[in-house]
Full PDB file with SEQRES, HELIX, SHEET, SSBOND, CRYST1, ORIGX, SCALE, CONECT and MASTER records, all heavy atoms in Angstrom:
SEQRES   1 A   38  LEU THR ALA ASP GLY GLU ALA GLY LEU PRO ARG GLU ILE          
SEQRES   2 A   38  HIS ASP ARG ASP LEU ASP TRP LEU LYS SER ALA ASP VAL          
SEQRES   3 A   38  VAL VAL ALA GLU VAL THR THR PRO SER LEU GLY VAL              
HELIX    1 AA1 PRO A   10  SER A   23  1                                  14    
CRYST1    1.000    1.000    1.000  90.00  90.00  90.00 P 1           1          
ORIGX1      1.000000  0.000000  0.000000        0.00000                         
ORIGX2      0.000000  1.000000  0.000000        0.00000                         
ORIGX3      0.000000  0.000000  1.000000        0.00000                         
SCALE1      1.000000  0.000000  0.000000        0.00000                         
SCALE2      0.000000  1.000000  0.000000        0.00000                         
SCALE3      0.000000  0.000000  1.000000        0.00000                         
ATOM      1  N   LEU A   1     119.347 105.680 115.339  1.00  0.00           N  
ATOM      2  CA  LEU A   1     118.776 104.345 115.387  1.00  0.00           C  
ATOM      3  C   LEU A   1     118.907 103.813 116.810  1.00  0.00           C  
ATOM      4  O   LEU A   1     119.983 103.846 117.393  1.00  0.00           O  
ATOM      5  CB  LEU A   1     119.526 103.442 114.411  1.00  0.00           C  
ATOM      6  CG  LEU A   1     118.925 102.111 114.032  1.00  0.00           C  
ATOM      7  CD1 LEU A   1     117.532 102.278 113.462  1.00  0.00           C  
ATOM      8  CD2 LEU A   1     119.820 101.439 113.008  1.00  0.00           C  
ATOM      9  N   THR A   2     117.815 103.341 117.377  1.00  0.00           N  
ATOM     10  CA  THR A   2     117.832 102.862 118.762  1.00  0.00           C  
ATOM     11  C   THR A   2     117.596 101.355 118.799  1.00  0.00           C  
ATOM     12  O   THR A   2     117.269 100.739 117.776  1.00  0.00           O  
ATOM     13  CB  THR A   2     116.741 103.558 119.603  1.00  0.00           C  
ATOM     14  OG1 THR A   2     115.458 103.111 119.140  1.00  0.00           O  
ATOM     15  CG2 THR A   2     116.844 105.068 119.505  1.00  0.00           C  
ATOM     16  N   ALA A   3     117.723 100.788 119.976  1.00  0.00           N  
ATOM     17  CA  ALA A   3     117.477  99.357 120.148  1.00  0.00           C  
ATOM     18  C   ALA A   3     116.019  98.995 119.892  1.00  0.00           C  
ATOM     19  O   ALA A   3     115.689  97.818 119.756  1.00  0.00           O  
ATOM     20  CB  ALA A   3     117.899  98.913 121.539  1.00  0.00           C  
ATOM     21  N   ASP A   4     115.151  99.991 119.823  1.00  0.00           N  
ATOM     22  CA  ASP A   4     113.757  99.729 119.465  1.00  0.00           C  
ATOM     23  C   ASP A   4     113.623  99.377 117.990  1.00  0.00           C  
ATOM     24  O   ASP A   4     112.576  98.913 117.553  1.00  0.00           O  
ATOM     25  CB  ASP A   4     112.884 100.957 119.773  1.00  0.00           C  
ATOM     26  CG  ASP A   4     112.771 101.201 121.268  1.00  0.00           C  
ATOM     27  OD1 ASP A   4     112.870 100.234 122.048  1.00  0.00           O  
ATOM     28  OD2 ASP A   4     112.604 102.370 121.656  1.00  0.00           O  
ATOM     29  N   GLY A   5     114.684  99.620 117.227  1.00  0.00           N  
ATOM     30  CA  GLY A   5     114.692  99.253 115.816  1.00  0.00           C  
ATOM     31  C   GLY A   5     114.297 100.397 114.913  1.00  0.00           C  
ATOM     32  O   GLY A   5     114.237 101.550 115.312  1.00  0.00           O  
ATOM     33  N   GLU A   6     114.038 100.036 113.696  1.00  0.00           N  
ATOM     34  CA  GLU A   6     113.706 101.005 112.656  1.00  0.00           C  
ATOM     35  C   GLU A   6     112.202 101.144 112.525  1.00  0.00           C  
ATOM     36  O   GLU A   6     111.453 100.254 112.902  1.00  0.00           O  
ATOM     37  CB  GLU A   6     114.264 100.517 111.316  1.00  0.00           C  
ATOM     38  CG  GLU A   6     115.746 100.245 111.336  1.00  0.00           C  
ATOM     39  CD  GLU A   6     116.180  99.565 110.059  1.00  0.00           C  
ATOM     40  OE1 GLU A   6     116.083 100.206 109.001  1.00  0.00           O  
ATOM     41  OE2 GLU A   6     116.605  98.413 110.132  1.00  0.00           O  
ATOM     42  N   ALA A   7     111.807 102.246 111.927  1.00  0.00           N  
ATOM     43  CA  ALA A   7     110.389 102.425 111.609  1.00  0.00           C  
ATOM     44  C   ALA A   7     110.025 101.489 110.469  1.00  0.00           C  
ATOM     45  O   ALA A   7     110.816 101.265 109.561  1.00  0.00           O  
ATOM     46  CB  ALA A   7     110.131 103.876 111.218  1.00  0.00           C  
ATOM     47  N   GLY A   8     108.864 100.951 110.542  1.00  0.00           N  
ATOM     48  CA  GLY A   8     108.399 100.076 109.481  1.00  0.00           C  
ATOM     49  C   GLY A   8     107.953  98.741 110.037  1.00  0.00           C  
ATOM     50  O   GLY A   8     108.292  98.356 111.151  1.00  0.00           O  
ATOM     51  N   LEU A   9     107.211  98.042 109.216  1.00  0.00           N  
ATOM     52  CA  LEU A   9     106.737  96.724 109.600  1.00  0.00           C  
ATOM     53  C   LEU A   9     107.881  95.719 109.529  1.00  0.00           C  
ATOM     54  O   LEU A   9     108.739  95.825 108.642  1.00  0.00           O  
ATOM     55  CB  LEU A   9     105.601  96.282 108.677  1.00  0.00           C  
ATOM     56  CG  LEU A   9     104.334  97.143 108.726  1.00  0.00           C  
ATOM     57  CD1 LEU A   9     103.356  96.707 107.636  1.00  0.00           C  
ATOM     58  CD2 LEU A   9     103.697  97.046 110.106  1.00  0.00           C  
ATOM     59  N   PRO A  10     107.909  94.746 110.427  1.00  0.00           N  
ATOM     60  CA  PRO A  10     108.991  93.762 110.411  1.00  0.00           C  
ATOM     61  C   PRO A  10     109.190  93.098 109.045  1.00  0.00           C  
ATOM     62  O   PRO A  10     110.322  92.906 108.598  1.00  0.00           O  
ATOM     63  CB  PRO A  10     108.565  92.748 111.478  1.00  0.00           C  
ATOM     64  CG  PRO A  10     107.774  93.558 112.451  1.00  0.00           C  
ATOM     65  CD  PRO A  10     107.028  94.553 111.592  1.00  0.00           C  
ATOM     66  N   ARG A  11     108.096  92.758 108.362  1.00  0.00           N  
ATOM     67  CA  ARG A  11     108.220  92.104 107.054  1.00  0.00           C  
ATOM     68  C   ARG A  11     108.880  93.027 106.034  1.00  0.00           C  
ATOM     69  O   ARG A  11     109.702  92.600 105.216  1.00  0.00           O  
ATOM     70  CB  ARG A  11     106.836  91.651 106.559  1.00  0.00           C  
ATOM     71  CG  ARG A  11     106.837  90.952 105.215  1.00  0.00           C  
ATOM     72  CD  ARG A  11     107.652  89.646 105.265  1.00  0.00           C  
ATOM     73  NE  ARG A  11     107.768  89.013 103.997  1.00  0.00           N  
ATOM     74  CZ  ARG A  11     107.056  87.956 103.624  1.00  0.00           C  
ATOM     75  NH1 ARG A  11     106.166  87.418 104.437  1.00  0.00           N  
ATOM     76  NH2 ARG A  11     107.241  87.428 102.444  1.00  0.00           N  
ATOM     77  N   GLU A  12     108.536  94.323 106.089  1.00  0.00           N  
ATOM     78  CA  GLU A  12     109.140  95.288 105.165  1.00  0.00           C  
ATOM     79  C   GLU A  12     110.647  95.400 105.416  1.00  0.00           C  
ATOM     80  O   GLU A  12     111.436  95.433 104.467  1.00  0.00           O  
ATOM     81  CB  GLU A  12     108.487  96.653 105.319  1.00  0.00           C  
ATOM     82  CG  GLU A  12     107.048  96.705 104.859  1.00  0.00           C  
ATOM     83  CD  GLU A  12     106.340  97.992 105.261  1.00  0.00           C  
ATOM     84  OE1 GLU A  12     106.902  98.791 106.052  1.00  0.00           O  
ATOM     85  OE2 GLU A  12     105.204  98.199 104.789  1.00  0.00           O  
ATOM     86  N   ILE A  13     111.033  95.472 106.677  1.00  0.00           N  
ATOM     87  CA  ILE A  13     112.456  95.579 107.028  1.00  0.00           C  
ATOM     88  C   ILE A  13     113.188  94.310 106.595  1.00  0.00           C  
ATOM     89  O   ILE A  13     114.263  94.373 105.978  1.00  0.00           O  
ATOM     90  CB  ILE A  13     112.620  95.843 108.536  1.00  0.00           C  
ATOM     91  CG1 ILE A  13     112.061  97.224 108.886  1.00  0.00           C  
ATOM     92  CG2 ILE A  13     114.082  95.722 108.953  1.00  0.00           C  
ATOM     93  CD1 ILE A  13     111.905  97.480 110.375  1.00  0.00           C  
ATOM     94  N   HIS A  14     112.612  93.160 106.874  1.00  0.00           N  
ATOM     95  CA  HIS A  14     113.205  91.877 106.482  1.00  0.00           C  
ATOM     96  C   HIS A  14     113.429  91.826 104.972  1.00  0.00           C  
ATOM     97  O   HIS A  14     114.533  91.527 104.502  1.00  0.00           O  
ATOM     98  CB  HIS A  14     112.286  90.735 106.929  1.00  0.00           C  
ATOM     99  CG  HIS A  14     112.672  89.400 106.402  1.00  0.00           C  
ATOM    100  ND1 HIS A  14     112.236  88.929 105.182  1.00  0.00           N  
ATOM    101  CD2 HIS A  14     113.470  88.439 106.923  1.00  0.00           C  
ATOM    102  CE1 HIS A  14     112.739  87.731 104.976  1.00  0.00           C  
ATOM    103  NE2 HIS A  14     113.494  87.403 106.015  1.00  0.00           N  
ATOM    104  N   ASP A  15     112.373  92.118 104.205  1.00  0.00           N  
ATOM    105  CA  ASP A  15     112.462  92.011 102.747  1.00  0.00           C  
ATOM    106  C   ASP A  15     113.439  93.022 102.170  1.00  0.00           C  
ATOM    107  O   ASP A  15     114.228  92.700 101.273  1.00  0.00           O  
ATOM    108  CB  ASP A  15     111.085  92.170 102.111  1.00  0.00           C  
ATOM    109  CG  ASP A  15     110.154  91.009 102.438  1.00  0.00           C  
ATOM    110  OD1 ASP A  15     110.608  90.000 103.034  1.00  0.00           O  
ATOM    111  OD2 ASP A  15     108.957  91.114 102.102  1.00  0.00           O  
ATOM    112  N   ARG A  16     113.420  94.260 102.690  1.00  0.00           N  
ATOM    113  CA  ARG A  16     114.351  95.279 102.220  1.00  0.00           C  
ATOM    114  C   ARG A  16     115.788  94.862 102.492  1.00  0.00           C  
ATOM    115  O   ARG A  16     116.652  94.922 101.613  1.00  0.00           O  
ATOM    116  CB  ARG A  16     114.057  96.607 102.907  1.00  0.00           C  
ATOM    117  CG  ARG A  16     115.016  97.734 102.514  1.00  0.00           C  
ATOM    118  CD  ARG A  16     115.126  98.806 103.554  1.00  0.00           C  
ATOM    119  NE  ARG A  16     115.700  98.294 104.796  1.00  0.00           N  
ATOM    120  CZ  ARG A  16     115.579  98.889 105.978  1.00  0.00           C  
ATOM    121  NH1 ARG A  16     114.907 100.020 106.100  1.00  0.00           N  
ATOM    122  NH2 ARG A  16     116.138  98.375 107.039  1.00  0.00           N  
ATOM    123  N   ASP A  17     116.043  94.410 103.711  1.00  0.00           N  
ATOM    124  CA  ASP A  17     117.404  94.037 104.068  1.00  0.00           C  
ATOM    125  C   ASP A  17     117.890  92.828 103.273  1.00  0.00           C  
ATOM    126  O   ASP A  17     119.049  92.777 102.859  1.00  0.00           O  
ATOM    127  CB  ASP A  17     117.522  93.789 105.570  1.00  0.00           C  
ATOM    128  CG  ASP A  17     117.470  95.078 106.383  1.00  0.00           C  
ATOM    129  OD1 ASP A  17     117.228  96.160 105.803  1.00  0.00           O  
ATOM    130  OD2 ASP A  17     117.678  95.014 107.614  1.00  0.00           O  
ATOM    131  N   LEU A  18     117.012  91.872 103.031  1.00  0.00           N  
ATOM    132  CA  LEU A  18     117.421  90.732 102.207  1.00  0.00           C  
ATOM    133  C   LEU A  18     117.685  91.157 100.765  1.00  0.00           C  
ATOM    134  O   LEU A  18     118.593  90.619 100.124  1.00  0.00           O  
ATOM    135  CB  LEU A  18     116.386  89.612 102.258  1.00  0.00           C  
ATOM    136  CG  LEU A  18     116.426  88.734 103.503  1.00  0.00           C  
ATOM    137  CD1 LEU A  18     115.486  87.540 103.340  1.00  0.00           C  
ATOM    138  CD2 LEU A  18     117.819  88.264 103.841  1.00  0.00           C  
ATOM    139  N   ASP A  19     116.925  92.103 100.247  1.00  0.00           N  
ATOM    140  CA  ASP A  19     117.210  92.629  98.903  1.00  0.00           C  
ATOM    141  C   ASP A  19     118.595  93.268  98.866  1.00  0.00           C  
ATOM    142  O   ASP A  19     119.360  93.062  97.919  1.00  0.00           O  
ATOM    143  CB  ASP A  19     116.150  93.647  98.474  1.00  0.00           C  
ATOM    144  CG  ASP A  19     114.832  93.007  98.074  1.00  0.00           C  
ATOM    145  OD1 ASP A  19     114.797  91.777  97.840  1.00  0.00           O  
ATOM    146  OD2 ASP A  19     113.817  93.738  98.004  1.00  0.00           O  
ATOM    147  N   TRP A  20     118.903  94.067  99.901  1.00  0.00           N  
ATOM    148  CA  TRP A  20     120.240  94.678  99.977  1.00  0.00           C  
ATOM    149  C   TRP A  20     121.308  93.591 100.078  1.00  0.00           C  
ATOM    150  O   TRP A  20     122.337  93.659  99.408  1.00  0.00           O  
ATOM    151  CB  TRP A  20     120.349  95.607 101.177  1.00  0.00           C  
ATOM    152  CG  TRP A  20     119.676  96.932 101.030  1.00  0.00           C  
ATOM    153  CD1 TRP A  20     119.315  97.563  99.877  1.00  0.00           C  
ATOM    154  CD2 TRP A  20     119.285  97.808 102.096  1.00  0.00           C  
ATOM    155  NE1 TRP A  20     118.735  98.775 100.160  1.00  0.00           N  
ATOM    156  CE2 TRP A  20     118.696  98.946 101.507  1.00  0.00           C  
ATOM    157  CE3 TRP A  20     119.369  97.733 103.478  1.00  0.00           C  
ATOM    158  CZ2 TRP A  20     118.221 100.012 102.266  1.00  0.00           C  
ATOM    159  CZ3 TRP A  20     118.884  98.784 104.238  1.00  0.00           C  
ATOM    160  CH2 TRP A  20     118.315  99.907 103.634  1.00  0.00           C  
ATOM    161  N   LEU A  21     121.060  92.603 100.921  1.00  0.00           N  
ATOM    162  CA  LEU A  21     122.031  91.528 101.116  1.00  0.00           C  
ATOM    163  C   LEU A  21     122.284  90.775  99.811  1.00  0.00           C  
ATOM    164  O   LEU A  21     123.433  90.489  99.457  1.00  0.00           O  
ATOM    165  CB  LEU A  21     121.519  90.587 102.208  1.00  0.00           C  
ATOM    166  CG  LEU A  21     122.456  89.507 102.727  1.00  0.00           C  
ATOM    167  CD1 LEU A  21     123.718  90.103 103.323  1.00  0.00           C  
ATOM    168  CD2 LEU A  21     121.740  88.661 103.779  1.00  0.00           C  
ATOM    169  N   LYS A  22     121.223  90.487  99.074  1.00  0.00           N  
ATOM    170  CA  LYS A  22     121.362  89.796  97.785  1.00  0.00           C  
ATOM    171  C   LYS A  22     122.169  90.615  96.792  1.00  0.00           C  
ATOM    172  O   LYS A  22     122.929  90.078  95.994  1.00  0.00           O  
ATOM    173  CB  LYS A  22     119.990  89.496  97.180  1.00  0.00           C  
ATOM    174  CG  LYS A  22     119.284  88.346  97.819  1.00  0.00           C  
ATOM    175  CD  LYS A  22     117.922  88.152  97.172  1.00  0.00           C  
ATOM    176  CE  LYS A  22     117.117  87.118  97.921  1.00  0.00           C  
ATOM    177  NZ  LYS A  22     115.744  87.008  97.426  1.00  0.00           N  
ATOM    178  N   SER A  23     122.000  91.936  96.831  1.00  0.00           N  
ATOM    179  CA  SER A  23     122.674  92.788  95.852  1.00  0.00           C  
ATOM    180  C   SER A  23     124.130  93.090  96.222  1.00  0.00           C  
ATOM    181  O   SER A  23     124.877  93.602  95.391  1.00  0.00           O  
ATOM    182  CB  SER A  23     121.902  94.095  95.665  1.00  0.00           C  
ATOM    183  OG  SER A  23     122.006  94.912  96.813  1.00  0.00           O  
ATOM    184  N   ALA A  24     124.526  92.760  97.429  1.00  0.00           N  
ATOM    185  CA  ALA A  24     125.885  93.064  97.880  1.00  0.00           C  
ATOM    186  C   ALA A  24     126.895  92.072  97.304  1.00  0.00           C  
ATOM    187  O   ALA A  24     126.583  90.903  97.065  1.00  0.00           O  
ATOM    188  CB  ALA A  24     125.945  93.034  99.408  1.00  0.00           C  
ATOM    189  N   ASP A  25     128.116  92.568  97.125  1.00  0.00           N  
ATOM    190  CA  ASP A  25     129.224  91.707  96.718  1.00  0.00           C  
ATOM    191  C   ASP A  25     129.847  91.015  97.918  1.00  0.00           C  
ATOM    192  O   ASP A  25     130.413  89.926  97.793  1.00  0.00           O  
ATOM    193  CB  ASP A  25     130.328  92.539  96.040  1.00  0.00           C  
ATOM    194  CG  ASP A  25     129.849  93.231  94.792  1.00  0.00           C  
ATOM    195  OD1 ASP A  25     129.167  92.592  93.971  1.00  0.00           O  
ATOM    196  OD2 ASP A  25     130.146  94.437  94.641  1.00  0.00           O  
ATOM    197  N   VAL A  26     129.778  91.678  99.066  1.00  0.00           N  
ATOM    198  CA  VAL A  26     130.486  91.213 100.257  1.00  0.00           C  
ATOM    199  C   VAL A  26     129.713  91.656 101.498  1.00  0.00           C  
ATOM    200  O   VAL A  26     129.012  92.672 101.464  1.00  0.00           O  
ATOM    201  CB  VAL A  26     131.930  91.769 100.270  1.00  0.00           C  
ATOM    202  CG1 VAL A  26     131.944  93.271 100.313  1.00  0.00           C  
ATOM    203  CG2 VAL A  26     132.756  91.196 101.399  1.00  0.00           C  
ATOM    204  N   VAL A  27     129.859  90.887 102.581  1.00  0.00           N  
ATOM    205  CA  VAL A  27     129.238  91.222 103.855  1.00  0.00           C  
ATOM    206  C   VAL A  27     130.341  91.409 104.885  1.00  0.00           C  
ATOM    207  O   VAL A  27     131.239  90.566 105.009  1.00  0.00           O  
ATOM    208  CB  VAL A  27     128.265  90.117 104.317  1.00  0.00           C  
ATOM    209  CG1 VAL A  27     127.724  90.417 105.715  1.00  0.00           C  
ATOM    210  CG2 VAL A  27     127.138  89.956 103.316  1.00  0.00           C  
ATOM    211  N   VAL A  28     130.266  92.516 105.604  1.00  0.00           N  
ATOM    212  CA  VAL A  28     131.157  92.760 106.742  1.00  0.00           C  
ATOM    213  C   VAL A  28     130.260  92.927 107.950  1.00  0.00           C  
ATOM    214  O   VAL A  28     129.364  93.772 107.949  1.00  0.00           O  
ATOM    215  CB  VAL A  28     132.041  94.009 106.537  1.00  0.00           C  
ATOM    216  CG1 VAL A  28     132.883  94.274 107.774  1.00  0.00           C  
ATOM    217  CG2 VAL A  28     132.919  93.837 105.298  1.00  0.00           C  
ATOM    218  N   ALA A  29     130.484  92.101 108.982  1.00  0.00           N  
ATOM    219  CA  ALA A  29     129.638  92.129 110.173  1.00  0.00           C  
ATOM    220  C   ALA A  29     130.491  92.355 111.408  1.00  0.00           C  
ATOM    221  O   ALA A  29     131.511  91.692 111.586  1.00  0.00           O  
ATOM    222  CB  ALA A  29     128.874  90.817 110.303  1.00  0.00           C  
ATOM    223  N   GLU A  30     130.061  93.290 112.234  1.00  0.00           N  
ATOM    224  CA  GLU A  30     130.685  93.478 113.545  1.00  0.00           C  
ATOM    225  C   GLU A  30     129.879  92.603 114.493  1.00  0.00           C  
ATOM    226  O   GLU A  30     128.684  92.825 114.675  1.00  0.00           O  
ATOM    227  CB  GLU A  30     130.648  94.949 113.956  1.00  0.00           C  
ATOM    228  CG  GLU A  30     131.783  95.396 114.860  1.00  0.00           C  
ATOM    229  CD  GLU A  30     131.923  94.682 116.199  1.00  0.00           C  
ATOM    230  OE1 GLU A  30     130.985  94.016 116.645  1.00  0.00           O  
ATOM    231  OE2 GLU A  30     132.989  94.812 116.814  1.00  0.00           O  
ATOM    232  N   VAL A  31     130.510  91.574 115.066  1.00  0.00           N  
ATOM    233  CA  VAL A  31     129.785  90.542 115.795  1.00  0.00           C  
ATOM    234  C   VAL A  31     130.080  90.520 117.297  1.00  0.00           C  
ATOM    235  O   VAL A  31     129.718  89.548 117.972  1.00  0.00           O  
ATOM    236  CB  VAL A  31     130.047  89.145 115.171  1.00  0.00           C  
ATOM    237  CG1 VAL A  31     129.481  89.078 113.757  1.00  0.00           C  
ATOM    238  CG2 VAL A  31     131.531  88.807 115.185  1.00  0.00           C  
ATOM    239  N   THR A  32     130.679  91.571 117.817  1.00  0.00           N  
ATOM    240  CA  THR A  32     130.996  91.591 119.242  1.00  0.00           C  
ATOM    241  C   THR A  32     129.736  91.580 120.096  1.00  0.00           C  
ATOM    242  O   THR A  32     129.653  90.849 121.079  1.00  0.00           O  
ATOM    243  CB  THR A  32     131.865  92.816 119.582  1.00  0.00           C  
ATOM    244  OG1 THR A  32     133.014  92.823 118.724  1.00  0.00           O  
ATOM    245  CG2 THR A  32     132.314  92.792 121.028  1.00  0.00           C  
ATOM    246  N   THR A  33     128.748  92.399 119.745  1.00  0.00           N  
ATOM    247  CA  THR A  33     127.463  92.401 120.444  1.00  0.00           C  
ATOM    248  C   THR A  33     126.571  91.361 119.783  1.00  0.00           C  
ATOM    249  O   THR A  33     126.236  91.497 118.609  1.00  0.00           O  
ATOM    250  CB  THR A  33     126.803  93.792 120.383  1.00  0.00           C  
ATOM    251  OG1 THR A  33     127.649  94.744 121.023  1.00  0.00           O  
ATOM    252  CG2 THR A  33     125.447  93.784 121.063  1.00  0.00           C  
ATOM    253  N   PRO A  34     126.205  90.314 120.510  1.00  0.00           N  
ATOM    254  CA  PRO A  34     125.388  89.256 119.914  1.00  0.00           C  
ATOM    255  C   PRO A  34     124.075  89.807 119.363  1.00  0.00           C  
ATOM    256  O   PRO A  34     123.442  90.666 119.974  1.00  0.00           O  
ATOM    257  CB  PRO A  34     125.119  88.303 121.082  1.00  0.00           C  
ATOM    258  CG  PRO A  34     126.216  88.574 122.059  1.00  0.00           C  
ATOM    259  CD  PRO A  34     126.525  90.036 121.927  1.00  0.00           C  
ATOM    260  N   SER A  35     123.683  89.294 118.196  1.00  0.00           N  
ATOM    261  CA  SER A  35     122.466  89.763 117.535  1.00  0.00           C  
ATOM    262  C   SER A  35     121.883  88.635 116.701  1.00  0.00           C  
ATOM    263  O   SER A  35     122.573  88.081 115.834  1.00  0.00           O  
ATOM    264  CB  SER A  35     122.800  90.954 116.633  1.00  0.00           C  
ATOM    265  OG  SER A  35     121.741  91.229 115.756  1.00  0.00           O  
ATOM    266  N   LEU A  36     120.628  88.312 116.966  1.00  0.00           N  
ATOM    267  CA  LEU A  36     119.955  87.291 116.157  1.00  0.00           C  
ATOM    268  C   LEU A  36     119.887  87.709 114.693  1.00  0.00           C  
ATOM    269  O   LEU A  36     120.087  86.894 113.793  1.00  0.00           O  
ATOM    270  CB  LEU A  36     118.545  87.043 116.683  1.00  0.00           C  
ATOM    271  CG  LEU A  36     118.459  86.406 118.069  1.00  0.00           C  
ATOM    272  CD1 LEU A  36     117.010  86.413 118.555  1.00  0.00           C  
ATOM    273  CD2 LEU A  36     119.008  85.003 118.047  1.00  0.00           C  
ATOM    274  N   GLY A  37     119.597  88.985 114.457  1.00  0.00           N  
ATOM    275  CA  GLY A  37     119.485  89.474 113.087  1.00  0.00           C  
ATOM    276  C   GLY A  37     120.796  89.370 112.328  1.00  0.00           C  
ATOM    277  O   GLY A  37     120.822  88.936 111.172  1.00  0.00           O  
ATOM    278  N   VAL A  38     121.890  89.759 112.958  1.00  0.00           N  
ATOM    279  CA  VAL A  38     123.201  89.676 112.302  1.00  0.00           C  
ATOM    280  C   VAL A  38     123.546  88.213 112.019  1.00  0.00           C  
ATOM    281  O   VAL A  38     124.035  87.877 110.936  1.00  0.00           O  
ATOM    282  CB  VAL A  38     124.291  90.369 113.140  1.00  0.00           C  
ATOM    283  CG1 VAL A  38     125.679  90.119 112.551  1.00  0.00           C  
ATOM    284  CG2 VAL A  38     124.017  91.867 113.226  1.00  0.00           C  
TER     285      VAL A  38                                                      
MASTER        0    0    0    1    0    0    0    6  284    1    0    3          
END                                                                             
């Protein structure tokens, strides 16, 4: 995975990741490198 991101349309990535986020019990984020997405 590179800084260019993942393959796929931005909307698909957004919706997939939000589905995963909704289904998770807990979120662990490494926040040392600033990221709008994180």
